[in-house]
Amino acid sequence: MGILSWIIFGALAGWVASMIVGRNDQMGCLANIVVGIIGAVIGGWIMSIFGGSGVTGFNITSFIVAVIGAVVLLAILNLILGRR
């Protein structure tokens, strides 16, 4: 995927994850992009541990993996920083 695809993919995954965790009102577009991209890396790493494939392109499976990773990232941030 190109850089523009990663930005769009990260924005969508971060936005969905922030709605799941309940932090949507506290996050802006840039935060959603960063959380989504880092979440895709974390989700890919988690999937590789369980023998699955990580983010392989712009498809629904990769999107679900990225959202799972972003939810994990936001949950960890909630534990460290506390819920505001």
N, C-alpha and C. Protein backbone atom coordinates (compact mmCIF):
# COMPACT_ATOMS: atom_id res chain seq x y z
N MET A 1 0.85 -1.17 0.00
CA MET A 1 0.00 0.00 0.00
C MET A 1 0.89 1.24 0.00
N GLY A 2 0.44 2.26 -0.68
CA GLY A 2 1.16 3.52 -0.71
C GLY A 2 0.88 4.35 0.53
N ILE A 3 1.56 5.46 0.65
CA ILE A 3 1.43 6.31 1.83
C ILE A 3 0.01 6.88 1.96
N LEU A 4 -0.60 7.26 0.85
CA LEU A 4 -1.96 7.79 0.90
C LEU A 4 -2.95 6.71 1.35
N SER A 5 -2.74 5.49 0.90
CA SER A 5 -3.60 4.38 1.32
C SER A 5 -3.46 4.13 2.82
N TRP A 6 -2.24 4.21 3.34
CA TRP A 6 -2.02 4.01 4.77
C TRP A 6 -2.71 5.10 5.58
N ILE A 7 -2.67 6.34 5.08
CA ILE A 7 -3.31 7.44 5.80
C ILE A 7 -4.83 7.25 5.84
N ILE A 8 -5.42 6.92 4.71
CA ILE A 8 -6.87 6.70 4.65
C ILE A 8 -7.26 5.49 5.49
N PHE A 9 -6.51 4.40 5.34
CA PHE A 9 -6.76 3.17 6.09
C PHE A 9 -6.63 3.43 7.59
N GLY A 10 -5.58 4.15 7.98
CA GLY A 10 -5.37 4.47 9.39
C GLY A 10 -6.47 5.35 9.95
N ALA A 11 -6.91 6.33 9.16
CA ALA A 11 -7.97 7.22 9.62
C ALA A 11 -9.26 6.45 9.87
N LEU A 12 -9.62 5.57 8.95
CA LEU A 12 -10.85 4.78 9.11
C LEU A 12 -10.75 3.82 10.29
N ALA A 13 -9.64 3.10 10.39
CA ALA A 13 -9.46 2.14 11.48
C ALA A 13 -9.41 2.85 12.83
N GLY A 14 -8.71 3.96 12.91
CA GLY A 14 -8.62 4.72 14.16
C GLY A 14 -9.96 5.29 14.58
N TRP A 15 -10.74 5.76 13.59
CA TRP A 15 -12.05 6.32 13.88
C TRP A 15 -13.00 5.26 14.43
N VAL A 16 -13.03 4.10 13.79
CA VAL A 16 -13.90 3.00 14.25
C VAL A 16 -13.47 2.53 15.64
N ALA A 17 -12.16 2.40 15.85
CA ALA A 17 -11.67 1.96 17.15
C ALA A 17 -12.00 2.98 18.24
N SER A 18 -11.89 4.27 17.92
CA SER A 18 -12.20 5.29 18.93
C SER A 18 -13.68 5.27 19.29
N MET A 19 -14.55 4.93 18.32
CA MET A 19 -15.97 4.80 18.64
C MET A 19 -16.23 3.58 19.50
N ILE A 20 -15.52 2.48 19.25
CA ILE A 20 -15.70 1.26 20.04
C ILE A 20 -15.27 1.50 21.48
N VAL A 21 -14.13 2.16 21.66
CA VAL A 21 -13.58 2.39 23.00
C VAL A 21 -14.30 3.52 23.72
N GLY A 22 -14.91 4.42 22.97
CA GLY A 22 -15.64 5.53 23.58
C GLY A 22 -14.83 6.80 23.70
N ARG A 23 -13.79 6.96 22.89
CA ARG A 23 -12.95 8.15 22.94
C ARG A 23 -13.12 9.01 21.69
N ASN A 24 -14.17 8.81 20.93
CA ASN A 24 -14.35 9.51 19.67
C ASN A 24 -14.43 11.02 19.86
N ASP A 25 -15.06 11.47 20.94
CA ASP A 25 -15.20 12.90 21.16
C ASP A 25 -13.89 13.56 21.60
N GLN A 26 -12.90 12.78 22.00
CA GLN A 26 -11.63 13.32 22.48
C GLN A 26 -10.53 13.26 21.43
N MET A 27 -10.78 12.64 20.29
CA MET A 27 -9.74 12.44 19.30
C MET A 27 -10.06 13.21 18.02
N GLY A 28 -9.04 13.77 17.44
CA GLY A 28 -9.19 14.46 16.17
C GLY A 28 -8.76 13.56 15.02
N CYS A 29 -8.73 14.13 13.84
CA CYS A 29 -8.40 13.37 12.63
C CYS A 29 -6.96 12.85 12.67
N LEU A 30 -6.03 13.70 13.08
CA LEU A 30 -4.62 13.28 13.12
C LEU A 30 -4.42 12.15 14.13
N ALA A 31 -5.07 12.25 15.28
CA ALA A 31 -4.96 11.19 16.29
C ALA A 31 -5.55 9.88 15.77
N ASN A 32 -6.65 9.95 15.04
CA ASN A 32 -7.25 8.75 14.46
C ASN A 32 -6.30 8.10 13.46
N ILE A 33 -5.64 8.91 12.64
CA ILE A 33 -4.69 8.37 11.65
C ILE A 33 -3.55 7.67 12.35
N VAL A 34 -2.97 8.33 13.36
CA VAL A 34 -1.83 7.73 14.08
C VAL A 34 -2.24 6.46 14.79
N VAL A 35 -3.38 6.50 15.48
CA VAL A 35 -3.86 5.30 16.20
C VAL A 35 -4.17 4.18 15.22
N GLY A 36 -4.75 4.50 14.08
CA GLY A 36 -5.07 3.47 13.09
C GLY A 36 -3.84 2.82 12.49
N ILE A 37 -2.82 3.62 12.16
CA ILE A 37 -1.59 3.05 11.59
C ILE A 37 -0.84 2.22 12.61
N ILE A 38 -0.68 2.75 13.83
CA ILE A 38 -0.01 1.98 14.88
C ILE A 38 -0.84 0.74 15.23
N GLY A 39 -2.16 0.89 15.23
CA GLY A 39 -3.04 -0.24 15.49
C GLY A 39 -2.91 -1.33 14.44
N ALA A 40 -2.70 -0.93 13.18
CA ALA A 40 -2.50 -1.92 12.12
C ALA A 40 -1.23 -2.72 12.36
N VAL A 41 -0.19 -2.05 12.84
CA VAL A 41 1.06 -2.75 13.15
C VAL A 41 0.86 -3.70 14.33
N ILE A 42 0.20 -3.21 15.38
CA ILE A 42 -0.06 -4.04 16.55
C ILE A 42 -0.96 -5.22 16.20
N GLY A 43 -2.02 -4.95 15.43
CA GLY A 43 -2.92 -6.02 15.02
C GLY A 43 -2.23 -7.06 14.16
N GLY A 44 -1.36 -6.62 13.26
CA GLY A 44 -0.58 -7.56 12.45
C GLY A 44 0.34 -8.42 13.31
N TRP A 45 0.93 -7.80 14.32
CA TRP A 45 1.81 -8.55 15.22
C TRP A 45 1.01 -9.58 16.03
N ILE A 46 -0.17 -9.17 16.52
CA ILE A 46 -1.03 -10.09 17.28
C ILE A 46 -1.47 -11.25 16.39
N MET A 47 -1.86 -10.95 15.16
CA MET A 47 -2.29 -12.01 14.24
C MET A 47 -1.15 -12.96 13.89
N SER A 48 0.07 -12.45 13.78
CA SER A 48 1.20 -13.33 13.46
C SER A 48 1.51 -14.28 14.61
N ILE A 49 1.23 -13.86 15.84
CA ILE A 49 1.42 -14.74 16.99
C ILE A 49 0.47 -15.93 16.91
N PHE A 50 -0.76 -15.68 16.46
CA PHE A 50 -1.77 -16.73 16.37
C PHE A 50 -1.77 -17.45 15.03
N GLY A 51 -0.79 -17.16 14.18
CA GLY A 51 -0.65 -17.88 12.93
C GLY A 51 -1.46 -17.34 11.78
N GLY A 52 -2.08 -16.20 11.96
CA GLY A 52 -2.88 -15.59 10.89
C GLY A 52 -2.05 -14.61 10.09
N SER A 53 -2.69 -14.02 9.10
CA SER A 53 -2.00 -13.00 8.32
C SER A 53 -2.38 -11.63 8.86
N GLY A 54 -1.47 -10.70 8.76
CA GLY A 54 -1.70 -9.35 9.27
C GLY A 54 -2.38 -8.49 8.23
N VAL A 55 -1.92 -7.27 8.11
CA VAL A 55 -2.47 -6.33 7.15
C VAL A 55 -1.83 -6.61 5.80
N THR A 56 -2.64 -7.06 4.86
CA THR A 56 -2.11 -7.48 3.56
C THR A 56 -2.51 -6.55 2.43
N GLY A 57 -3.25 -5.53 2.73
CA GLY A 57 -3.70 -4.60 1.70
C GLY A 57 -4.96 -3.90 2.15
N PHE A 58 -5.62 -3.24 1.25
CA PHE A 58 -6.83 -2.49 1.55
C PHE A 58 -8.03 -3.42 1.35
N ASN A 59 -8.29 -4.28 2.35
CA ASN A 59 -9.41 -5.20 2.28
C ASN A 59 -10.06 -5.33 3.65
N ILE A 60 -11.18 -6.01 3.73
CA ILE A 60 -11.95 -6.07 4.97
C ILE A 60 -11.22 -6.84 6.07
N THR A 61 -10.49 -7.88 5.72
CA THR A 61 -9.74 -8.64 6.72
C THR A 61 -8.67 -7.78 7.35
N SER A 62 -7.94 -7.05 6.53
CA SER A 62 -6.90 -6.16 7.04
C SER A 62 -7.51 -5.04 7.88
N PHE A 63 -8.68 -4.57 7.47
CA PHE A 63 -9.35 -3.52 8.23
C PHE A 63 -9.73 -4.01 9.62
N ILE A 64 -10.25 -5.22 9.71
CA ILE A 64 -10.62 -5.79 11.01
C ILE A 64 -9.39 -5.97 11.89
N VAL A 65 -8.29 -6.44 11.30
CA VAL A 65 -7.04 -6.60 12.04
C VAL A 65 -6.56 -5.24 12.56
N ALA A 66 -6.63 -4.21 11.73
CA ALA A 66 -6.20 -2.88 12.14
C ALA A 66 -7.09 -2.32 13.24
N VAL A 67 -8.38 -2.54 13.16
CA VAL A 67 -9.30 -2.05 14.20
C VAL A 67 -9.04 -2.78 15.51
N ILE A 68 -8.81 -4.07 15.46
CA ILE A 68 -8.49 -4.83 16.68
C ILE A 68 -7.22 -4.29 17.32
N GLY A 69 -6.19 -4.06 16.52
CA GLY A 69 -4.95 -3.50 17.05
C GLY A 69 -5.13 -2.11 17.61
N ALA A 70 -5.95 -1.28 16.95
CA ALA A 70 -6.20 0.07 17.45
C ALA A 70 -7.00 0.05 18.75
N VAL A 71 -7.94 -0.87 18.87
CA VAL A 71 -8.70 -1.01 20.12
C VAL A 71 -7.77 -1.42 21.25
N VAL A 72 -6.86 -2.35 20.98
CA VAL A 72 -5.88 -2.76 21.99
C VAL A 72 -5.02 -1.56 22.40
N LEU A 73 -4.55 -0.79 21.41
CA LEU A 73 -3.73 0.39 21.71
C LEU A 73 -4.49 1.39 22.56
N LEU A 74 -5.73 1.68 22.21
CA LEU A 74 -6.52 2.64 22.98
C LEU A 74 -6.84 2.13 24.38
N ALA A 75 -7.06 0.83 24.52
CA ALA A 75 -7.30 0.25 25.84
C ALA A 75 -6.07 0.38 26.73
N ILE A 76 -4.89 0.15 26.15
CA ILE A 76 -3.65 0.31 26.91
C ILE A 76 -3.45 1.77 27.30
N LEU A 77 -3.72 2.69 26.36
CA LEU A 77 -3.61 4.11 26.68
C LEU A 77 -4.59 4.53 27.76
N ASN A 78 -5.80 3.97 27.75
CA ASN A 78 -6.77 4.26 28.81
C ASN A 78 -6.27 3.79 30.17
N LEU A 79 -5.59 2.64 30.20
CA LEU A 79 -5.06 2.13 31.47
C LEU A 79 -3.91 2.99 31.97
N ILE A 80 -3.05 3.43 31.05
CA ILE A 80 -1.88 4.21 31.46
C ILE A 80 -2.25 5.64 31.83
N LEU A 81 -3.01 6.29 30.97
CA LEU A 81 -3.33 7.70 31.14
C LEU A 81 -4.58 7.94 31.98
N GLY A 82 -5.38 6.93 32.13
CA GLY A 82 -6.66 7.09 32.82
C GLY A 82 -7.69 7.66 31.89
N ARG A 83 -8.92 7.39 32.18
CA ARG A 83 -10.02 7.86 31.32
C ARG A 83 -10.41 9.26 31.75
N ARG A 84 -10.45 10.17 30.77
CA ARG A 84 -10.77 11.55 31.10
C ARG A 84 -12.16 11.90 30.66
